[in-house]
Structures are given as structure tokens and as C-alpha cells.
Amino acid sequence: MRAEQIQHEIREVLLTEDEIRGRLAELARDIERDYGDRRPLLVGVLKGAVFVMADLARALRIPVEMDWMAVSSYGSGTESSGVVRILKDLDTDLSGREVLIVEDII
């Protein structure tokens, strides 16, 4: 569904695009400070985290790797069933890695 198709359903904007970009820049600085010369693995949870993770990775000035996984706890409804199913697992071995999970809904 395109943004134009749901524009009329938006009642309130919680964060502007500039506020989101500013917060991502802050997160990038925090990650750079905390991980320094290490190479963390960013794990994005599909599909919602795609753009946020791409923007975060671009904001970082340290080398990172990225991988993706897809999970579902919704079944066919809009409320969580409480049971998480892995639909696509990671391709990267996590042994000894520093992992940062990037998710759109927590």
C-alpha cells in the first residue's frame, strides 16, 4: 500500500522525518563510541526495519556487517499470538559476534 493511499488515515505525526534522522545520528554516535574499532553485526528484522537500518548503517562511520531475519507472531490477525515463528533465519554465524538488533516495533 502506498503512503498516498493511507494519508487520510493519519491522525497524528509523532516524530517528523528530521527528528527521526536526528535520533538516528545520535544512535550512530553512541554505537561508534561504544564499539570503536570492533565490527558489530546489525541484524534487521524484516520488513519494517529495512529503511531504518539502511539509514543507520549510512550514518555510522565504523565498519559494520548487516544480516536480516524475518519473524512473525501475528498469524493472520493484527494482535500477537505470543508464539514467535522464524520465517527467515540469519545467514551469518553469530559466534563471538557483537550483535545489534534493529527492529521497527518493540
PDB file of N, CA and C in Angstrom:
ATOM      1  N   MET A   1       0.845  -1.175   0.000  1.00  0.00           N
ATOM      2  CA  MET A   1       0.000   0.000   0.000  1.00  0.00           C
ATOM      3  C   MET A   1       0.893   1.242   0.000  1.00  0.00           C
ATOM      4  N   ARG A   2       0.574   2.176  -0.812  1.00  0.00           N
ATOM      5  CA  ARG A   2       1.359   3.402  -0.938  1.00  0.00           C
ATOM      6  C   ARG A   2       0.958   4.402   0.138  1.00  0.00           C
ATOM      7  N   ALA A   3       1.906   5.264   0.511  1.00  0.00           N
ATOM      8  CA  ALA A   3       1.660   6.269   1.548  1.00  0.00           C
ATOM      9  C   ALA A   3       0.499   7.181   1.177  1.00  0.00           C
ATOM     10  N   GLU A   4       0.389   7.507  -0.106  1.00  0.00           N
ATOM     11  CA  GLU A   4      -0.695   8.396  -0.541  1.00  0.00           C
ATOM     12  C   GLU A   4      -2.068   7.774  -0.283  1.00  0.00           C
ATOM     13  N   GLN A   5      -2.140   6.457  -0.336  1.00  0.00           N
ATOM     14  CA  GLN A   5      -3.411   5.769  -0.159  1.00  0.00           C
ATOM     15  C   GLN A   5      -3.890   5.782   1.290  1.00  0.00           C
ATOM     16  N   ILE A   6      -2.974   5.911   2.223  1.00  0.00           N
ATOM     17  CA  ILE A   6      -3.367   5.890   3.640  1.00  0.00           C
ATOM     18  C   ILE A   6      -3.211   7.242   4.318  1.00  0.00           C
ATOM     19  N   GLN A   7      -2.795   8.241   3.580  1.00  0.00           N
ATOM     20  CA  GLN A   7      -2.552   9.575   4.136  1.00  0.00           C
ATOM     21  C   GLN A   7      -3.751  10.090   4.927  1.00  0.00           C
ATOM     22  N   HIS A   8      -4.941   9.847   4.461  1.00  0.00           N
ATOM     23  CA  HIS A   8      -6.151  10.339   5.127  1.00  0.00           C
ATOM     24  C   HIS A   8      -6.406   9.643   6.466  1.00  0.00           C
ATOM     25  N   GLU A   9      -5.748   8.506   6.704  1.00  0.00           N
ATOM     26  CA  GLU A   9      -5.946   7.767   7.950  1.00  0.00           C
ATOM     27  C   GLU A   9      -5.008   8.229   9.071  1.00  0.00           C
ATOM     28  N   ILE A  10      -4.021   9.044   8.746  1.00  0.00           N
ATOM     29  CA  ILE A  10      -3.051   9.509   9.739  1.00  0.00           C
ATOM     30  C   ILE A  10      -3.688  10.606  10.575  1.00  0.00           C
ATOM     31  N   ARG A  11      -3.785  10.349  11.883  1.00  0.00           N
ATOM     32  CA  ARG A  11      -4.404  11.321  12.787  1.00  0.00           C
ATOM     33  C   ARG A  11      -3.382  12.233  13.439  1.00  0.00           C
ATOM     34  N   GLU A  12      -2.177  11.711  13.658  1.00  0.00           N
ATOM     35  CA  GLU A  12      -1.170  12.492  14.381  1.00  0.00           C
ATOM     36  C   GLU A  12       0.218  12.024  13.967  1.00  0.00           C
ATOM     37  N   VAL A  13       1.115  12.955  13.731  1.00  0.00           N
ATOM     38  CA  VAL A  13       2.510  12.644  13.443  1.00  0.00           C
ATOM     39  C   VAL A  13       3.266  12.719  14.759  1.00  0.00           C
ATOM     40  N   LEU A  14       3.839  11.594  15.179  1.00  0.00           N
ATOM     41  CA  LEU A  14       4.545  11.556  16.458  1.00  0.00           C
ATOM     42  C   LEU A  14       5.958  12.116  16.347  1.00  0.00           C
ATOM     43  N   LEU A  15       6.647  11.794  15.259  1.00  0.00           N
ATOM     44  CA  LEU A  15       8.003  12.282  15.032  1.00  0.00           C
ATOM     45  C   LEU A  15       8.135  12.701  13.575  1.00  0.00           C
ATOM     46  N   THR A  16       8.743  13.846  13.354  1.00  0.00           N
ATOM     47  CA  THR A  16       8.966  14.293  11.981  1.00  0.00           C
ATOM     48  C   THR A  16      10.147  13.529  11.387  1.00  0.00           C
ATOM     49  N   GLU A  17      10.282  13.613  10.083  1.00  0.00           N
ATOM     50  CA  GLU A  17      11.409  12.974   9.410  1.00  0.00           C
ATOM     51  C   GLU A  17      12.730  13.517   9.948  1.00  0.00           C
ATOM     52  N   ASP A  18      12.810  14.824  10.176  1.00  0.00           N
ATOM     53  CA  ASP A  18      14.036  15.426  10.713  1.00  0.00           C
ATOM     54  C   ASP A  18      14.340  14.910  12.118  1.00  0.00           C
ATOM     55  N   GLU A  19      13.309  14.729  12.936  1.00  0.00           N
ATOM     56  CA  GLU A  19      13.520  14.206  14.291  1.00  0.00           C
ATOM     57  C   GLU A  19      14.030  12.768  14.244  1.00  0.00           C
ATOM     58  N   ILE A  20      13.501  11.981  13.336  1.00  0.00           N
ATOM     59  CA  ILE A  20      13.958  10.595  13.199  1.00  0.00           C
ATOM     60  C   ILE A  20      15.403  10.569  12.729  1.00  0.00           C
ATOM     61  N   ARG A  21      15.729  11.376  11.730  1.00  0.00           N
ATOM     62  CA  ARG A  21      17.120  11.432  11.241  1.00  0.00           C
ATOM     63  C   ARG A  21      18.075  11.901  12.343  1.00  0.00           C
ATOM     64  N   GLY A  22      17.635  12.874  13.141  1.00  0.00           N
ATOM     65  CA  GLY A  22      18.459  13.349  14.249  1.00  0.00           C
ATOM     66  C   GLY A  22      18.708  12.263  15.276  1.00  0.00           C
ATOM     67  N   ARG A  23      17.672  11.500  15.595  1.00  0.00           N
ATOM     68  CA  ARG A  23      17.824  10.415  16.572  1.00  0.00           C
ATOM     69  C   ARG A  23      18.718   9.315  16.026  1.00  0.00           C
ATOM     70  N   LEU A  24      18.601   9.013  14.730  1.00  0.00           N
ATOM     71  CA  LEU A  24      19.485   8.017  14.129  1.00  0.00           C
ATOM     72  C   LEU A  24      20.939   8.481  14.171  1.00  0.00           C
ATOM     73  N   ALA A  25      21.176   9.775  13.967  1.00  0.00           N
ATOM     74  CA  ALA A  25      22.537  10.315  14.061  1.00  0.00           C
ATOM     75  C   ALA A  25      23.070  10.160  15.483  1.00  0.00           C
ATOM     76  N   GLU A  26      22.219  10.406  16.491  1.00  0.00           N
ATOM     77  CA  GLU A  26      22.621  10.203  17.889  1.00  0.00           C
ATOM     78  C   GLU A  26      22.953   8.741  18.152  1.00  0.00           C
ATOM     79  N   LEU A  27      22.107   7.843  17.675  1.00  0.00           N
ATOM     80  CA  LEU A  27      22.360   6.411  17.853  1.00  0.00           C
ATOM     81  C   LEU A  27      23.675   6.010  17.195  1.00  0.00           C
ATOM     82  N   ALA A  28      23.925   6.539  15.997  1.00  0.00           N
ATOM     83  CA  ALA A  28      25.170   6.227  15.295  1.00  0.00           C
ATOM     84  C   ALA A  28      26.375   6.677  16.118  1.00  0.00           C
ATOM     85  N   ARG A  29      26.308   7.870  16.693  1.00  0.00           N
ATOM     86  CA  ARG A  29      27.418   8.353  17.530  1.00  0.00           C
ATOM     87  C   ARG A  29      27.606   7.459  18.757  1.00  0.00           C
ATOM     88  N   ASP A  30      26.499   7.041  19.379  1.00  0.00           N
ATOM     89  CA  ASP A  30      26.580   6.152  20.544  1.00  0.00           C
ATOM     90  C   ASP A  30      27.214   4.816  20.169  1.00  0.00           C
ATOM     91  N   ILE A  31      26.809   4.268  19.033  1.00  0.00           N
ATOM     92  CA  ILE A  31      27.366   2.987  18.581  1.00  0.00           C
ATOM     93  C   ILE A  31      28.848   3.140  18.277  1.00  0.00           C
ATOM     94  N   GLU A  32      29.231   4.217  17.603  1.00  0.00           N
ATOM     95  CA  GLU A  32      30.646   4.465  17.302  1.00  0.00           C
ATOM     96  C   GLU A  32      31.462   4.556  18.582  1.00  0.00           C
ATOM     97  N   ARG A  33      30.931   5.253  19.585  1.00  0.00           N
ATOM     98  CA  ARG A  33      31.630   5.401  20.862  1.00  0.00           C
ATOM     99  C   ARG A  33      31.748   4.049  21.568  1.00  0.00           C
ATOM    100  N   ASP A  34      30.661   3.290  21.600  1.00  0.00           N
ATOM    101  CA  ASP A  34      30.636   2.041  22.355  1.00  0.00           C
ATOM    102  C   ASP A  34      31.373   0.896  21.670  1.00  0.00           C
ATOM    103  N   TYR A  35      31.417   0.890  20.341  1.00  0.00           N
ATOM    104  CA  TYR A  35      32.013  -0.239  19.626  1.00  0.00           C
ATOM    105  C   TYR A  35      33.360   0.089  19.009  1.00  0.00           C
ATOM    106  N   GLY A  36      33.699   1.373  18.895  1.00  0.00           N
ATOM    107  CA  GLY A  36      35.024   1.795  18.459  1.00  0.00           C
ATOM    108  C   GLY A  36      35.569   1.027  17.281  1.00  0.00           C
ATOM    109  N   ASP A  37      36.636   0.249  17.534  1.00  0.00           N
ATOM    110  CA  ASP A  37      37.310  -0.464  16.450  1.00  0.00           C
ATOM    111  C   ASP A  37      36.746  -1.864  16.213  1.00  0.00           C
ATOM    112  N   ARG A  38      35.703  -2.235  16.946  1.00  0.00           N
ATOM    113  CA  ARG A  38      35.081  -3.545  16.710  1.00  0.00           C
ATOM    114  C   ARG A  38      34.116  -3.431  15.539  1.00  0.00           C
ATOM    115  N   ARG A  39      33.736  -4.549  14.978  1.00  0.00           N
ATOM    116  CA  ARG A  39      32.875  -4.567  13.790  1.00  0.00           C
ATOM    117  C   ARG A  39      31.553  -5.248  14.147  1.00  0.00           C
ATOM    118  N   PRO A  40      30.577  -4.476  14.656  1.00  0.00           N
ATOM    119  CA  PRO A  40      29.315  -5.103  15.055  1.00  0.00           C
ATOM    120  C   PRO A  40      28.508  -5.588  13.844  1.00  0.00           C
ATOM    121  N   LEU A  41      27.647  -6.540  14.122  1.00  0.00           N
ATOM    122  CA  LEU A  41      26.718  -7.052  13.126  1.00  0.00           C
ATOM    123  C   LEU A  41      25.351  -6.435  13.392  1.00  0.00           C
ATOM    124  N   LEU A  42      24.825  -5.708  12.423  1.00  0.00           N
ATOM    125  CA  LEU A  42      23.472  -5.174  12.527  1.00  0.00           C
ATOM    126  C   LEU A  42      22.520  -6.229  11.988  1.00  0.00           C
ATOM    127  N   VAL A  43      21.548  -6.622  12.804  1.00  0.00           N
ATOM    128  CA  VAL A  43      20.545  -7.597  12.381  1.00  0.00           C
ATOM    129  C   VAL A  43      19.213  -6.871  12.266  1.00  0.00           C
ATOM    130  N   GLY A  44      18.719  -6.775  11.056  1.00  0.00           N
ATOM    131  CA  GLY A  44      17.440  -6.124  10.812  1.00  0.00           C
ATOM    132  C   GLY A  44      16.319  -7.140  10.782  1.00  0.00           C
ATOM    133  N   VAL A  45      15.209  -6.773  11.400  1.00  0.00           N
ATOM    134  CA  VAL A  45      14.035  -7.639  11.394  1.00  0.00           C
ATOM    135  C   VAL A  45      13.129  -7.169  10.252  1.00  0.00           C
ATOM    136  N   LEU A  46      12.983  -8.036   9.254  1.00  0.00           N
ATOM    137  CA  LEU A  46      12.194  -7.715   8.064  1.00  0.00           C
ATOM    138  C   LEU A  46      10.712  -7.672   8.385  1.00  0.00           C
ATOM    139  N   LYS A  47       9.984  -6.898   7.720  1.00  0.00           N
ATOM    140  CA  LYS A  47      10.319  -5.994   6.648  1.00  0.00           C
ATOM    141  C   LYS A  47      10.412  -4.570   7.169  1.00  0.00           C
ATOM    142  N   GLY A  48       9.871  -4.340   8.348  1.00  0.00           N
ATOM    143  CA  GLY A  48       9.740  -2.982   8.852  1.00  0.00           C
ATOM    144  C   GLY A  48      11.033  -2.237   9.105  1.00  0.00           C
ATOM    145  N   ALA A  49      12.118  -2.947   9.389  1.00  0.00           N
ATOM    146  CA  ALA A  49      13.357  -2.278   9.774  1.00  0.00           C
ATOM    147  C   ALA A  49      14.255  -1.930   8.593  1.00  0.00           C
ATOM    148  N   VAL A  50      13.849  -2.246   7.385  1.00  0.00           N
ATOM    149  CA  VAL A  50      14.718  -2.072   6.219  1.00  0.00           C
ATOM    150  C   VAL A  50      15.237  -0.644   6.088  1.00  0.00           C
ATOM    151  N   PHE A  51      14.352   0.333   6.073  1.00  0.00           N
ATOM    152  CA  PHE A  51      14.784   1.713   5.837  1.00  0.00           C
ATOM    153  C   PHE A  51      15.521   2.292   7.039  1.00  0.00           C
ATOM    154  N   VAL A  52      15.066   1.972   8.240  1.00  0.00           N
ATOM    155  CA  VAL A  52      15.747   2.468   9.443  1.00  0.00           C
ATOM    156  C   VAL A  52      17.158   1.902   9.511  1.00  0.00           C
ATOM    157  N   MET A  53      17.306   0.609   9.234  1.00  0.00           N
ATOM    158  CA  MET A  53      18.634   0.004   9.297  1.00  0.00           C
ATOM    159  C   MET A  53      19.547   0.558   8.208  1.00  0.00           C
ATOM    160  N   ALA A  54      19.019   0.773   7.024  1.00  0.00           N
ATOM    161  CA  ALA A  54      19.830   1.356   5.952  1.00  0.00           C
ATOM    162  C   ALA A  54      20.289   2.758   6.334  1.00  0.00           C
ATOM    163  N   ASP A  55      19.394   3.570   6.877  1.00  0.00           N
ATOM    164  CA  ASP A  55      19.756   4.924   7.300  1.00  0.00           C
ATOM    165  C   ASP A  55      20.774   4.894   8.437  1.00  0.00           C
ATOM    166  N   LEU A  56      20.594   3.974   9.387  1.00  0.00           N
ATOM    167  CA  LEU A  56      21.542   3.854  10.498  1.00  0.00           C
ATOM    168  C   LEU A  56      22.913   3.434   9.985  1.00  0.00           C
ATOM    169  N   ALA A  57      22.960   2.440   9.116  1.00  0.00           N
ATOM    170  CA  ALA A  57      24.239   1.968   8.574  1.00  0.00           C
ATOM    171  C   ALA A  57      24.957   3.085   7.820  1.00  0.00           C
ATOM    172  N   ARG A  58      24.206   3.897   7.078  1.00  0.00           N
ATOM    173  CA  ARG A  58      24.821   5.026   6.355  1.00  0.00           C
ATOM    174  C   ARG A  58      25.350   6.087   7.309  1.00  0.00           C
ATOM    175  N   ALA A  59      24.699   6.249   8.464  1.00  0.00           N
ATOM    176  CA  ALA A  59      25.121   7.267   9.432  1.00  0.00           C
ATOM    177  C   ALA A  59      26.366   6.841  10.208  1.00  0.00           C
ATOM    178  N   LEU A  60      26.629   5.542  10.259  1.00  0.00           N
ATOM    179  CA  LEU A  60      27.782   5.046  11.018  1.00  0.00           C
ATOM    180  C   LEU A  60      29.084   5.300  10.271  1.00  0.00           C
ATOM    181  N   ARG A  61      30.119   5.675  11.038  1.00  0.00           N
ATOM    182  CA  ARG A  61      31.443   5.892  10.452  1.00  0.00           C
ATOM    183  C   ARG A  61      32.400   4.787  10.846  1.00  0.00           C
ATOM    184  N   ILE A  62      31.863   3.673  11.325  1.00  0.00           N
ATOM    185  CA  ILE A  62      32.674   2.498  11.620  1.00  0.00           C
ATOM    186  C   ILE A  62      32.177   1.371  10.722  1.00  0.00           C
ATOM    187  N   PRO A  63      33.047   0.398  10.427  1.00  0.00           N
ATOM    188  CA  PRO A  63      32.594  -0.706   9.581  1.00  0.00           C
ATOM    189  C   PRO A  63      31.607  -1.597  10.334  1.00  0.00           C
ATOM    190  N   VAL A  64      30.543  -1.962   9.667  1.00  0.00           N
ATOM    191  CA  VAL A  64      29.557  -2.888  10.223  1.00  0.00           C
ATOM    192  C   VAL A  64      29.220  -3.916   9.150  1.00  0.00           C
ATOM    193  N   GLU A  65      28.707  -5.038   9.600  1.00  0.00           N
ATOM    194  CA  GLU A  65      28.119  -6.009   8.687  1.00  0.00           C
ATOM    195  C   GLU A  65      26.623  -5.997   8.937  1.00  0.00           C
ATOM    196  N   MET A  66      25.870  -6.459   7.955  1.00  0.00           N
ATOM    197  CA  MET A  66      24.415  -6.496   8.105  1.00  0.00           C
ATOM    198  C   MET A  66      23.894  -7.869   7.699  1.00  0.00           C
ATOM    199  N   ASP A  67      22.851  -8.288   8.394  1.00  0.00           N
ATOM    200  CA  ASP A  67      22.130  -9.502   8.036  1.00  0.00           C
ATOM    201  C   ASP A  67      20.668  -9.268   8.384  1.00  0.00           C
ATOM    202  N   TRP A  68      19.819 -10.145   7.908  1.00  0.00           N
ATOM    203  CA  TRP A  68      18.377  -9.955   8.057  1.00  0.00           C
ATOM    204  C   TRP A  68      17.709 -11.224   8.537  1.00  0.00           C
ATOM    205  N   MET A  69      16.651 -11.051   9.303  1.00  0.00           N
ATOM    206  CA  MET A  69      15.799 -12.183   9.638  1.00  0.00           C
ATOM    207  C   MET A  69      14.350 -11.724   9.577  1.00  0.00           C
ATOM    208  N   ALA A  70      13.466 -12.687   9.386  1.00  0.00           N
ATOM    209  CA  ALA A  70      12.031 -12.390   9.367  1.00  0.00           C
ATOM    210  C   ALA A  70      11.354 -13.276  10.398  1.00  0.00           C
ATOM    211  N   VAL A  71      10.541 -12.663  11.222  1.00  0.00           N
ATOM    212  CA  VAL A  71       9.802 -13.390  12.251  1.00  0.00           C
ATOM    213  C   VAL A  71       8.343 -12.946  12.213  1.00  0.00           C
ATOM    214  N   SER A  72       7.490 -13.773  12.787  1.00  0.00           N
ATOM    215  CA  SER A  72       6.078 -13.415  12.864  1.00  0.00           C
ATOM    216  C   SER A  72       5.489 -13.955  14.151  1.00  0.00           C
ATOM    217  N   SER A  73       4.668 -13.135  14.774  1.00  0.00           N
ATOM    218  CA  SER A  73       3.907 -13.598  15.937  1.00  0.00           C
ATOM    219  C   SER A  73       2.440 -13.237  15.769  1.00  0.00           C
ATOM    220  N   TYR A  74       2.073 -12.845  14.561  1.00  0.00           N
ATOM    221  CA  TYR A  74       0.727 -12.340  14.330  1.00  0.00           C
ATOM    222  C   TYR A  74      -0.216 -13.337  13.676  1.00  0.00           C
ATOM    223  N   GLY A  75       0.297 -14.367  13.028  1.00  0.00           N
ATOM    224  CA  GLY A  75      -0.600 -15.262  12.311  1.00  0.00           C
ATOM    225  C   GLY A  75      -1.344 -14.488  11.246  1.00  0.00           C
ATOM    226  N   SER A  76      -2.657 -14.630  11.215  1.00  0.00           N
ATOM    227  CA  SER A  76      -3.438 -13.917  10.204  1.00  0.00           C
ATOM    228  C   SER A  76      -4.108 -12.666  10.768  1.00  0.00           C
ATOM    229  N   GLY A  77      -3.919 -12.389  12.068  1.00  0.00           N
ATOM    230  CA  GLY A  77      -4.558 -11.232  12.689  1.00  0.00           C
ATOM    231  C   GLY A  77      -3.607 -10.077  12.873  1.00  0.00           C
ATOM    232  N   THR A  78      -4.045  -9.093  13.663  1.00  0.00           N
ATOM    233  CA  THR A  78      -3.217  -7.922  13.939  1.00  0.00           C
ATOM    234  C   THR A  78      -2.746  -7.887  15.382  1.00  0.00           C
ATOM    235  N   GLU A  79      -3.140  -8.871  16.187  1.00  0.00           N
ATOM    236  CA  GLU A  79      -2.660  -8.976  17.564  1.00  0.00           C
ATOM    237  C   GLU A  79      -1.716 -10.154  17.662  1.00  0.00           C
ATOM    238  N   SER A  80      -0.656  -9.985  18.461  1.00  0.00           N
ATOM    239  CA  SER A  80       0.333 -11.041  18.612  1.00  0.00           C
ATOM    240  C   SER A  80      -0.293 -12.289  19.221  1.00  0.00           C
ATOM    241  N   SER A  81       0.103 -13.434  18.667  1.00  0.00           N
ATOM    242  CA  SER A  81      -0.358 -14.709  19.211  1.00  0.00           C
ATOM    243  C   SER A  81       0.481 -15.121  20.411  1.00  0.00           C
ATOM    244  N   GLY A  82       1.639 -14.454  20.599  1.00  0.00           N
ATOM    245  CA  GLY A  82       2.551 -14.811  21.673  1.00  0.00           C
ATOM    246  C   GLY A  82       3.548 -15.885  21.272  1.00  0.00           C
ATOM    247  N   VAL A  83       3.342 -16.499  20.115  1.00  0.00           N
ATOM    248  CA  VAL A  83       4.250 -17.528  19.609  1.00  0.00           C
ATOM    249  C   VAL A  83       5.018 -16.935  18.430  1.00  0.00           C
ATOM    250  N   VAL A  84       6.337 -16.886  18.553  1.00  0.00           N
ATOM    251  CA  VAL A  84       7.166 -16.300  17.502  1.00  0.00           C
ATOM    252  C   VAL A  84       7.653 -17.402  16.564  1.00  0.00           C
ATOM    253  N   ARG A  85       7.427 -17.194  15.272  1.00  0.00           N
ATOM    254  CA  ARG A  85       7.913 -18.131  14.256  1.00  0.00           C
ATOM    255  C   ARG A  85       9.016 -17.450  13.453  1.00  0.00           C
ATOM    256  N   ILE A  86      10.106 -18.158  13.229  1.00  0.00           N
ATOM    257  CA  ILE A  86      11.186 -17.639  12.386  1.00  0.00           C
ATOM    258  C   ILE A  86      10.863 -18.004  10.944  1.00  0.00           C
ATOM    259  N   LEU A  87      10.676 -16.990  10.125  1.00  0.00           N
ATOM    260  CA  LEU A  87      10.356 -17.186   8.711  1.00  0.00           C
ATOM    261  C   LEU A  87      11.610 -17.174   7.845  1.00  0.00           C
ATOM    262  N   LYS A  88      12.603 -16.385   8.234  1.00  0.00           N
ATOM    263  CA  LYS A  88      13.911 -16.354   7.566  1.00  0.00           C
ATOM    264  C   LYS A  88      14.960 -16.169   8.641  1.00  0.00           C
ATOM    265  N   ASP A  89      15.856 -17.135   8.743  1.00  0.00           N
ATOM    266  CA  ASP A  89      16.905 -17.059   9.754  1.00  0.00           C
ATOM    267  C   ASP A  89      18.124 -16.331   9.190  1.00  0.00           C
ATOM    268  N   LEU A  90      19.052 -16.042  10.069  1.00  0.00           N
ATOM    269  CA  LEU A  90      20.272 -15.335   9.684  1.00  0.00           C
ATOM    270  C   LEU A  90      21.170 -16.217   8.826  1.00  0.00           C
ATOM    271  N   ASP A  91      21.925 -15.588   7.940  1.00  0.00           N
ATOM    272  CA  ASP A  91      22.926 -16.287   7.145  1.00  0.00           C
ATOM    273  C   ASP A  91      24.289 -16.243   7.826  1.00  0.00           C
ATOM    274  N   THR A  92      24.459 -15.347   8.785  1.00  0.00           N
ATOM    275  CA  THR A  92      25.737 -15.105   9.449  1.00  0.00           C
ATOM    276  C   THR A  92      25.839 -15.903  10.738  1.00  0.00           C
ATOM    277  N   ASP A  93      27.011 -16.482  10.984  1.00  0.00           N
ATOM    278  CA  ASP A  93      27.282 -17.161  12.252  1.00  0.00           C
ATOM    279  C   ASP A  93      27.491 -16.093  13.324  1.00  0.00           C
ATOM    280  N   LEU A  94      26.765 -16.194  14.427  1.00  0.00           N
ATOM    281  CA  LEU A  94      26.839 -15.189  15.491  1.00  0.00           C
ATOM    282  C   LEU A  94      27.919 -15.482  16.530  1.00  0.00           C
ATOM    283  N   SER A  95      28.595 -16.603  16.421  1.00  0.00           N
ATOM    284  CA  SER A  95      29.602 -16.981  17.416  1.00  0.00           C
ATOM    285  C   SER A  95      30.649 -15.892  17.580  1.00  0.00           C
ATOM    286  N   GLY A  96      30.788 -15.398  18.807  1.00  0.00           N
ATOM    287  CA  GLY A  96      31.789 -14.392  19.124  1.00  0.00           C
ATOM    288  C   GLY A  96      31.502 -13.010  18.559  1.00  0.00           C
ATOM    289  N   ARG A  97      30.332 -12.806  18.012  1.00  0.00           N
ATOM    290  CA  ARG A  97      29.995 -11.527  17.380  1.00  0.00           C
ATOM    291  C   ARG A  97      29.301 -10.588  18.347  1.00  0.00           C
ATOM    292  N   GLU A  98      29.442  -9.308  18.099  1.00  0.00           N
ATOM    293  CA  GLU A  98      28.688  -8.265  18.791  1.00  0.00           C
ATOM    294  C   GLU A  98      27.507  -7.953  17.880  1.00  0.00           C
ATOM    295  N   VAL A  99      26.286  -8.162  18.382  1.00  0.00           N
ATOM    296  CA  VAL A  99      25.085  -8.076  17.555  1.00  0.00           C
ATOM    297  C   VAL A  99      24.185  -6.952  18.047  1.00  0.00           C
ATOM    298  N   LEU A 100      23.754  -6.112  17.120  1.00  0.00           N
ATOM    299  CA  LEU A 100      22.780  -5.062  17.412  1.00  0.00           C
ATOM    300  C   LEU A 100      21.526  -5.361  16.599  1.00  0.00           C
ATOM    301  N   ILE A 101      20.402  -5.536  17.275  1.00  0.00           N
ATOM    302  CA  ILE A 101      19.149  -5.844  16.597  1.00  0.00           C
ATOM    303  C   ILE A 101      18.426  -4.542  16.269  1.00  0.00           C
ATOM    304  N   VAL A 102      18.029  -4.402  15.016  1.00  0.00           N
ATOM    305  CA  VAL A 102      17.307  -3.218  14.553  1.00  0.00           C
ATOM    306  C   VAL A 102      15.881  -3.661  14.228  1.00  0.00           C
ATOM    307  N   GLU A 103      14.915  -3.115  14.962  1.00  0.00           N
ATOM    308  CA  GLU A 103      13.515  -3.521  14.843  1.00  0.00           C
ATOM    309  C   GLU A 103      12.651  -2.273  14.743  1.00  0.00           C
ATOM    310  N   ASP A 104      11.541  -2.381  14.050  1.00  0.00           N
ATOM    311  CA  ASP A 104      10.681  -1.203  13.906  1.00  0.00           C
ATOM    312  C   ASP A 104       9.597  -1.134  14.965  1.00  0.00           C
ATOM    313  N   ILE A 105       9.126  -2.251  15.479  1.00  0.00           N
ATOM    314  CA  ILE A 105       8.080  -2.258  16.505  1.00  0.00           C
ATOM    315  C   ILE A 105       8.562  -3.089  17.679  1.00  0.00           C
ATOM    316  N   ILE A 106       8.582  -2.457  18.859  1.00  0.00           N
ATOM    317  CA  ILE A 106       9.021  -3.188  20.058  1.00  0.00           C
ATOM    318  C   ILE A 106       7.914  -3.124  21.079  1.00  0.00           C
TER     319      ILE A 106
END
